Protein backbone atom coordinates (compact mmCIF):
# COMPACT_ATOMS: atom_id res chain seq x y z
CA UNK A 1 -67.57 -198.20 56.96
CA UNK A 2 -68.17 -194.19 56.91
CA UNK A 3 -64.74 -193.84 58.84
CA UNK A 4 -63.06 -196.03 56.10
CA UNK A 5 -64.57 -194.08 53.29
CA UNK A 6 -63.46 -191.00 54.87
CA UNK A 7 -59.82 -192.22 55.35
CA UNK A 8 -59.67 -193.15 51.54
CA UNK A 9 -61.03 -189.82 50.53
CA UNK A 10 -58.56 -188.01 52.79
CA UNK A 11 -55.84 -189.89 50.99
CA UNK A 12 -56.97 -188.77 47.68
CA UNK A 13 -57.35 -185.17 48.82
CA UNK A 14 -53.63 -185.17 50.42
CA UNK A 15 -52.40 -187.09 47.41
CA UNK A 16 -50.54 -189.41 49.93
CA UNK A 17 -49.89 -192.15 47.21
CA UNK A 18 -48.05 -190.04 44.71
CA UNK A 19 -44.66 -190.99 44.32
CA UNK A 20 -43.39 -188.78 41.32
CA UNK A 21 -42.84 -185.09 42.33
CA UNK A 22 -43.51 -184.05 38.65
CA UNK A 23 -46.92 -185.57 38.86
CA UNK A 24 -47.27 -183.82 41.94
CA UNK A 25 -46.52 -180.46 40.61
CA UNK A 26 -48.87 -181.19 37.66
CA UNK A 27 -51.92 -182.27 40.00
CA UNK A 28 -51.68 -178.96 41.41
CA UNK A 29 -53.52 -177.85 38.22
CA UNK A 30 -57.33 -177.93 38.06
CA UNK A 31 -57.65 -180.70 35.37
CA UNK A 32 -56.30 -183.94 36.29
CA UNK A 33 -57.34 -187.78 35.97
CA UNK A 34 -57.63 -189.79 38.95
CA UNK A 35 -56.28 -193.35 38.32
CA UNK A 36 -56.51 -195.25 41.62
CA UNK A 37 -56.31 -198.62 42.77
CA UNK A 38 -59.19 -198.86 45.35
CA UNK A 39 -58.63 -202.22 46.43
CA UNK A 40 -55.16 -201.25 47.72
CA UNK A 41 -56.75 -198.27 49.37
CA UNK A 42 -58.62 -200.69 51.76
CA UNK A 43 -55.74 -203.32 51.78
CA UNK A 44 -56.64 -204.50 55.13
CA UNK A 45 -59.70 -206.00 53.63
CA UNK A 46 -57.81 -207.90 50.66
CA UNK A 47 -56.49 -210.92 53.06
CA UNK A 48 -59.90 -211.94 53.85
CA UNK A 49 -60.26 -214.83 51.28
CA UNK A 50 -63.70 -215.33 49.57
CA UNK A 51 -65.84 -214.18 52.45
CA UNK A 52 -69.22 -212.87 51.07
CA UNK A 53 -69.57 -210.23 53.82
CA UNK A 54 -66.30 -208.79 52.99
CA UNK A 55 -66.97 -208.62 49.34
CA UNK A 56 -70.21 -206.79 50.02
CA UNK A 57 -68.24 -204.31 52.26
CA UNK A 58 -65.86 -203.46 49.67
CA UNK A 59 -68.61 -202.99 46.97
CA UNK A 60 -70.37 -200.54 49.37
CA UNK A 61 -67.22 -198.57 49.87
CA UNK A 62 -66.40 -198.56 46.23
CA UNK A 63 -69.91 -197.35 45.27
CA UNK A 64 -69.66 -194.34 48.04
CA UNK A 65 -66.09 -193.53 46.48
CA UNK A 66 -67.37 -193.40 43.01
CA UNK A 67 -69.95 -191.03 44.12
CA UNK A 68 -67.48 -188.70 45.51
CA UNK A 69 -65.26 -188.79 42.36
CA UNK A 70 -68.36 -188.13 40.12
CA UNK A 71 -69.39 -185.31 42.42
CA UNK A 72 -66.08 -183.60 42.34
CA UNK A 73 -65.99 -184.10 38.36
CA UNK A 74 -63.16 -186.43 38.29
CA UNK A 75 -62.55 -189.16 36.09
CA UNK A 76 -62.22 -192.63 37.84
CA UNK A 77 -60.30 -195.43 36.21
CA UNK A 78 -59.26 -198.09 38.67
CA UNK A 79 -55.64 -199.16 37.20
CA UNK A 80 -53.63 -198.65 40.24
CA UNK A 81 -51.88 -195.32 39.91
CA UNK A 82 -52.38 -191.56 39.75
CA UNK A 83 -51.57 -190.09 36.45
CA UNK A 84 -51.85 -186.55 34.92
CA UNK A 85 -53.65 -185.67 31.76
CA UNK A 86 -50.33 -184.63 30.50
CA UNK A 87 -46.58 -184.85 31.55
CA UNK A 88 -43.28 -182.77 30.45
CA UNK A 89 -40.74 -184.84 28.45
CA UNK A 90 -37.57 -185.37 30.70
CA UNK A 91 -35.38 -185.29 27.66
CA UNK A 92 -33.51 -181.91 28.45
CA UNK A 93 -33.56 -181.21 24.74
CA UNK A 94 -37.28 -181.72 24.29
CA UNK A 95 -39.49 -180.64 27.47
CA UNK A 96 -42.76 -181.01 25.38
CA UNK A 97 -46.04 -181.87 26.96
CA UNK A 98 -47.30 -185.08 26.09
CA UNK A 99 -50.23 -187.34 27.20
CA UNK A 100 -48.74 -190.60 28.64
CA UNK A 101 -50.06 -193.99 27.38
CA UNK A 102 -48.17 -196.13 30.14
CA UNK A 103 -47.94 -196.00 33.91
CA UNK A 104 -44.23 -195.11 34.25
CA UNK A 105 -43.69 -193.10 30.80
CA UNK A 106 -41.37 -190.09 31.27
CA UNK A 107 -40.60 -189.45 27.58
CA UNK A 108 -42.83 -188.38 24.54
CA UNK A 109 -41.20 -190.90 21.96
CA UNK A 110 -39.00 -193.44 21.13
CA UNK A 111 -36.20 -191.21 20.18
CA UNK A 112 -36.54 -189.01 23.20
CA UNK A 113 -36.17 -192.27 25.25
CA UNK A 114 -32.75 -193.05 23.60
CA UNK A 115 -31.58 -189.53 24.17
CA UNK A 116 -32.81 -189.58 27.57
CA UNK A 117 -30.94 -192.88 28.42
CA UNK A 118 -27.78 -191.29 27.12
CA UNK A 119 -28.60 -188.38 29.36
CA UNK A 120 -28.94 -190.56 32.45
CA UNK A 121 -25.64 -192.40 31.57
CA UNK A 122 -23.68 -189.10 31.23
CA UNK A 123 -25.23 -187.93 34.39
CA UNK A 124 -24.20 -191.03 36.27
CA UNK A 125 -20.65 -190.99 34.84
CA UNK A 126 -20.34 -187.35 35.77
CA UNK A 127 -21.63 -187.77 39.29
CA UNK A 128 -18.91 -190.77 39.52
CA UNK A 129 -16.08 -188.30 38.54
CA UNK A 130 -17.53 -185.62 40.87
CA UNK A 131 -17.67 -188.15 43.96
CA UNK A 132 -14.19 -189.50 43.24
CA UNK A 133 -12.65 -185.74 43.01
CA UNK A 134 -14.58 -185.15 46.57
CA UNK A 135 -13.05 -188.24 47.89
CA UNK A 136 -9.66 -187.33 46.90
CA UNK A 137 -10.05 -183.85 48.03
CA UNK A 138 -11.37 -185.36 51.51
CA UNK A 139 -8.47 -187.52 51.76
CA UNK A 140 -5.69 -184.91 50.75
CA UNK A 141 -7.19 -182.71 53.44
CA UNK A 142 -7.19 -185.26 56.08
CA UNK A 143 -3.55 -186.11 55.11
CA UNK A 144 -2.59 -182.67 55.27
CA UNK A 145 -4.51 -182.00 58.66
CA UNK A 146 -2.13 -184.78 60.21
CA UNK A 147 1.12 -183.99 58.28
CA UNK A 148 3.60 -182.20 60.64
CA UNK A 149 5.26 -179.96 57.91
CA UNK A 150 2.11 -178.89 56.67
CA UNK A 151 0.96 -177.64 60.17
CA UNK A 152 4.40 -175.98 60.76
CA UNK A 153 3.84 -174.03 57.78
CA UNK A 154 0.38 -173.00 58.75
CA UNK A 155 1.65 -172.27 62.45
CA UNK A 156 4.54 -169.87 61.08
CA UNK A 157 2.18 -168.15 58.78
CA UNK A 158 -0.22 -167.40 61.53
CA UNK A 159 2.41 -166.28 63.69
CA UNK A 160 3.85 -164.04 60.97
CA UNK A 161 0.34 -162.51 60.09
CA UNK A 162 -0.01 -161.61 63.67
CA UNK A 163 3.28 -159.83 63.86
CA UNK A 164 2.41 -157.72 60.72
CA UNK A 165 -0.76 -156.70 62.02
CA UNK A 166 0.85 -155.97 65.61
CA UNK A 167 3.41 -153.57 64.00
CA UNK A 168 1.31 -152.38 61.07
CA UNK A 169 1.78 -148.63 62.10
CA UNK A 170 5.56 -148.75 63.09
CA UNK A 171 8.53 -148.29 60.75
CA UNK A 172 11.11 -151.00 59.63
CA UNK A 173 12.93 -152.63 62.93
CA UNK A 174 16.17 -152.39 60.98
CA UNK A 175 16.58 -149.69 58.92
CA UNK A 176 13.75 -147.27 60.07
CA UNK A 177 11.77 -146.66 56.66
CA UNK A 178 8.20 -146.45 56.28
CA UNK A 179 6.74 -149.91 55.61
CA UNK A 180 3.59 -150.33 53.49
CA UNK A 181 3.74 -154.01 53.00
CA UNK A 182 6.50 -155.78 55.01
CA UNK A 183 7.74 -158.93 56.51
CA UNK A 184 7.84 -160.60 59.99
CA UNK A 185 11.72 -160.63 60.65
CA UNK A 186 13.22 -162.97 63.29
CA UNK A 187 16.36 -161.53 64.85
CA UNK A 188 17.32 -165.01 65.85
CA UNK A 189 16.64 -167.12 62.92
CA UNK A 190 13.94 -169.73 62.97
CA UNK A 191 16.08 -172.43 61.32
CA UNK A 192 19.23 -172.36 63.93
CA UNK A 193 17.02 -171.10 66.88
CA UNK A 194 13.83 -173.21 67.07
CA UNK A 195 13.07 -172.49 70.62
CA UNK A 196 12.25 -168.81 69.89
CA UNK A 197 10.44 -169.50 66.58
CA UNK A 198 7.01 -168.37 67.95
CA UNK A 199 8.45 -165.69 70.65
CA UNK A 200 6.88 -162.41 69.76
CA UNK A 201 9.96 -160.52 71.20
CA UNK A 202 12.27 -162.28 68.44
CA UNK A 203 9.95 -161.20 65.54
CA UNK A 204 9.07 -157.74 64.44
CA UNK A 205 7.99 -155.80 61.24
CA UNK A 206 11.05 -155.18 58.77
CA UNK A 207 10.88 -153.86 55.29
CA UNK A 208 11.35 -156.36 52.30
CA UNK A 209 14.87 -155.08 51.56
CA UNK A 210 16.28 -155.61 55.20
CA UNK A 211 14.54 -158.98 55.53
CA UNK A 212 14.89 -160.51 52.01
CA UNK A 213 18.06 -159.13 50.60
CA UNK A 214 20.26 -158.05 53.65
CA UNK A 215 19.24 -161.33 55.77
CA UNK A 216 17.49 -159.51 58.37
CA UNK A 217 19.91 -156.52 58.45
CA UNK A 218 20.98 -157.66 62.04
CA UNK A 219 23.80 -154.98 62.76
CA UNK A 220 21.08 -151.89 63.21
CA UNK A 221 18.33 -154.53 64.13
CA UNK A 222 19.96 -155.38 67.78
CA UNK A 223 20.02 -151.89 69.18
CA UNK A 224 16.38 -151.13 67.86
CA UNK A 225 15.36 -154.24 69.29
CA UNK A 226 17.05 -153.67 72.61
CA UNK A 227 15.39 -150.17 72.49
CA UNK A 228 12.01 -151.74 72.13
CA UNK A 229 11.89 -154.56 74.52
CA UNK A 230 14.59 -153.50 77.00
CA UNK A 231 17.66 -155.22 77.83
CA UNK A 232 16.25 -157.65 80.36
CA UNK A 233 13.76 -159.16 77.83
CA UNK A 234 16.64 -159.26 75.06
CA UNK A 235 19.16 -161.07 77.66
CA UNK A 236 16.20 -163.64 78.30
CA UNK A 237 15.24 -163.91 74.67
CA UNK A 238 19.21 -164.53 73.78
CA UNK A 239 19.29 -167.25 76.67
CA UNK A 240 16.31 -169.04 75.44
CA UNK A 241 17.55 -169.03 71.78
CA UNK A 242 20.20 -171.32 72.62
CA UNK A 243 17.62 -174.10 73.50
CA UNK A 244 16.66 -176.55 71.11
CA UNK A 245 12.86 -177.37 70.92
CA UNK A 246 11.00 -179.98 68.97
CA UNK A 247 7.29 -179.18 68.23
CA UNK A 248 4.35 -181.65 67.95
CA UNK A 249 1.39 -181.69 65.85
CA UNK A 250 -0.84 -180.49 68.82
CA UNK A 251 1.47 -177.79 69.69
CA UNK A 252 1.39 -176.30 65.92
CA UNK A 253 -2.40 -176.54 65.99
CA UNK A 254 -2.61 -174.55 69.42
CA UNK A 255 -0.13 -171.94 67.94
CA UNK A 256 -2.50 -171.65 64.79
CA UNK A 257 -5.47 -171.13 66.88
CA UNK A 258 -4.05 -168.71 69.38
CA UNK A 259 -2.53 -166.35 66.90
CA UNK A 260 -5.60 -166.50 64.36
CA UNK A 261 -7.59 -165.45 67.46
CA UNK A 262 -4.78 -162.65 68.24
CA UNK A 263 -5.09 -161.42 64.56
CA UNK A 264 -8.88 -161.11 64.46
CA UNK A 265 -8.69 -158.74 67.72
CA UNK A 266 -6.26 -156.40 66.18
């Protein structure tokens, strides 16, 4: 019997039966009311029917428990719940302290109950909209992750970013001017020469004027390119540019990964 009493008292001290976090926080204060269902605390004894010994056993446990509560200056009312002396109204426009009259009362008045129900409805509707937006964004990301055109653009951006960082201290490959913010200029264009789209010998830093308004300014570009990479590598690049290459999603993903890592190392 002592073991059962100790288990019940331990439950009360640890507040294991508390469900509402707000009540838990309030019970951290010194003053509180314990409203407890002692029969449920020893639930394994509730299924023994009308056995007189069991009834006597329960009575002794309850008597011991009443003494514990009185000793610790707690008011015991066996109604089946733990209730604080006061709660804070859950209506966001009220937030007043009130003494609850019912077991699951969370607002202080009828008016607050109406307003709180509207707040809950608005919260649910807002959550639905947020969840729908998240689902749409997730679906969109999954689609673009599989879309080959999107991967192609991302791969080209990663490659161009690497070229700009690699040549950041160099002048324009075509006109030789100093470049603060420039482009990654392809000698053999990516539209007509797909095989050398991601070849680092085919792409170098250029100013906006040469790359965007003079279509790469290829006349001075060629001798500067040969001087930079050598005749042998230029001939190999020119031969390779005549091929036609088709890229897959996996290849684009690999290009993105490789050139992002290279850019970070610079």
